[in-house]
C-alpha cells in the first residue's frame, strides 16, 4: 500500500530538487496512476492537490506551501 508518508517523503524530495509546477503536477499524476487502487482518502487528496496546480494560478502552491504539505504527510 502506498501511504501518505511515502508520498510526503517523495514530494519533499521532488520539490527540493525541482520546483516546477508542470513537472510536479505530472510527477504527482504518475504517482496517482501507479497507486490509484492503494490510496487512502488523505493521500489521494494530497496527490490531487499537487496535480491541480497545473490547472490554473488559483491552484498553485508556493514551494514553502508544498514543503509544508509534504512534511504534514510524514
C-alpha atoms as a PDB file:
ATOM      1  CA  UNK A   1       0.000   0.000   0.000  1.00  0.00           C
ATOM      2  CA  UNK A   2       1.210   3.482  -0.909  1.00  0.00           C
ATOM      3  CA  UNK A   3       0.802   5.620   2.183  1.00  0.00           C
ATOM      4  CA  UNK A   4       0.715   9.330   2.874  1.00  0.00           C
ATOM      5  CA  UNK A   5       4.161   9.076   4.463  1.00  0.00           C
ATOM      6  CA  UNK A   6       5.569   7.705   1.199  1.00  0.00           C
ATOM      7  CA  UNK A   7       4.023  10.468  -0.887  1.00  0.00           C
ATOM      8  CA  UNK A   8       5.082  13.150   1.601  1.00  0.00           C
ATOM      9  CA  UNK A   9       8.673  11.989   1.623  1.00  0.00           C
ATOM     10  CA  UNK A  10       8.839  11.747  -2.155  1.00  0.00           C
ATOM     11  CA  UNK A  11       7.092  15.100  -2.595  1.00  0.00           C
ATOM     12  CA  UNK A  12       9.624  16.853  -0.356  1.00  0.00           C
ATOM     13  CA  UNK A  13      12.460  15.335  -2.377  1.00  0.00           C
ATOM     14  CA  UNK A  14      10.872  16.397  -5.672  1.00  0.00           C
ATOM     15  CA  UNK A  15      10.145  19.959  -4.503  1.00  0.00           C
ATOM     16  CA  UNK A  16      13.651  20.433  -3.143  1.00  0.00           C
ATOM     17  CA  UNK A  17      15.115  19.019  -6.335  1.00  0.00           C
ATOM     18  CA  UNK A  18      12.997  20.956  -8.861  1.00  0.00           C
ATOM     19  CA  UNK A  19      10.236  23.460  -8.087  1.00  0.00           C
ATOM     20  CA  UNK A  20       8.438  23.479 -11.427  1.00  0.00           C
ATOM     21  CA  UNK A  21       4.646  23.454 -11.409  1.00  0.00           C
ATOM     22  CA  UNK A  22       4.113  21.384 -14.565  1.00  0.00           C
ATOM     23  CA  UNK A  23       6.847  18.920 -13.630  1.00  0.00           C
ATOM     24  CA  UNK A  24       5.425  18.409 -10.129  1.00  0.00           C
ATOM     25  CA  UNK A  25       1.851  18.056 -11.411  1.00  0.00           C
ATOM     26  CA  UNK A  26       2.940  15.437 -13.944  1.00  0.00           C
ATOM     27  CA  UNK A  27       5.024  13.638 -11.325  1.00  0.00           C
ATOM     28  CA  UNK A  28       2.034  13.542  -8.947  1.00  0.00           C
ATOM     29  CA  UNK A  29      -0.227  12.291 -11.734  1.00  0.00           C
ATOM     30  CA  UNK A  30       2.181   9.424 -12.409  1.00  0.00           C
ATOM     31  CA  UNK A  31       2.078   8.543  -8.691  1.00  0.00           C
ATOM     32  CA  UNK A  32      -1.715   8.567  -8.836  1.00  0.00           C
ATOM     33  CA  UNK A  33      -1.763   6.270 -11.860  1.00  0.00           C
ATOM     34  CA  UNK A  34       0.780   3.912 -10.281  1.00  0.00           C
ATOM     35  CA  UNK A  35      -1.058   3.620  -6.965  1.00  0.00           C
ATOM     36  CA  UNK A  36      -4.717   4.529  -7.623  1.00  0.00           C
ATOM     37  CA  UNK A  37      -6.063   1.301  -6.112  1.00  0.00           C
ATOM     38  CA  UNK A  38      -3.918   1.621  -2.989  1.00  0.00           C
ATOM     39  CA  UNK A  39      -4.635   5.189  -1.862  1.00  0.00           C
ATOM     40  CA  UNK A  40      -6.474   6.249   1.243  1.00  0.00           C
ATOM     41  CA  UNK A  41      -8.542   9.423   1.062  1.00  0.00           C
ATOM     42  CA  UNK A  42      -5.934  11.715   2.634  1.00  0.00           C
ATOM     43  CA  UNK A  43      -3.177  10.550   0.296  1.00  0.00           C
ATOM     44  CA  UNK A  44      -5.443  10.813  -2.744  1.00  0.00           C
ATOM     45  CA  UNK A  45      -6.444  14.361  -1.744  1.00  0.00           C
ATOM     46  CA  UNK A  46      -2.807  15.401  -1.336  1.00  0.00           C
ATOM     47  CA  UNK A  47      -1.892  13.964  -4.729  1.00  0.00           C
ATOM     48  CA  UNK A  48      -4.858  15.701  -6.360  1.00  0.00           C
ATOM     49  CA  UNK A  49      -3.807  19.000  -4.760  1.00  0.00           C
ATOM     50  CA  UNK A  50      -0.431  18.756  -6.491  1.00  0.00           C
ATOM     51  CA  UNK A  51      -1.961  17.631  -9.792  1.00  0.00           C
ATOM     52  CA  UNK A  52      -4.392  20.585  -9.735  1.00  0.00           C
ATOM     53  CA  UNK A  53      -1.552  23.104  -9.613  1.00  0.00           C
ATOM     54  CA  UNK A  54      -1.234  22.757 -13.382  1.00  0.00           C
ATOM     55  CA  UNK A  55      -4.896  23.736 -13.863  1.00  0.00           C
ATOM     56  CA  UNK A  56      -4.527  27.434 -13.096  1.00  0.00           C
ATOM     57  CA  UNK A  57      -2.822  30.056 -10.981  1.00  0.00           C
ATOM     58  CA  UNK A  58      -5.512  29.822  -8.306  1.00  0.00           C
ATOM     59  CA  UNK A  59      -4.367  26.256  -7.547  1.00  0.00           C
ATOM     60  CA  UNK A  60      -0.622  26.885  -7.423  1.00  0.00           C
ATOM     61  CA  UNK A  61       1.132  26.318  -4.108  1.00  0.00           C
ATOM     62  CA  UNK A  62       4.399  28.049  -3.297  1.00  0.00           C
ATOM     63  CA  UNK A  63       7.485  25.988  -2.645  1.00  0.00           C
ATOM     64  CA  UNK A  64       7.023  26.604   1.072  1.00  0.00           C
ATOM     65  CA  UNK A  65       3.377  25.503   0.963  1.00  0.00           C
ATOM     66  CA  UNK A  66       4.308  22.322  -0.900  1.00  0.00           C
ATOM     67  CA  UNK A  67       7.027  21.528   1.616  1.00  0.00           C
ATOM     68  CA  UNK A  68       4.564  22.093   4.471  1.00  0.00           C
ATOM     69  CA  UNK A  69       2.126  19.712   2.767  1.00  0.00           C
ATOM     70  CA  UNK A  70       4.908  17.162   2.342  1.00  0.00           C
ATOM     71  CA  UNK A  71       6.037  17.373   5.970  1.00  0.00           C
ATOM     72  CA  UNK A  72       2.440  17.269   7.261  1.00  0.00           C
ATOM     73  CA  UNK A  73       2.035  13.942   5.470  1.00  0.00           C
ATOM     74  CA  UNK A  74       5.114  12.435   7.093  1.00  0.00           C
END
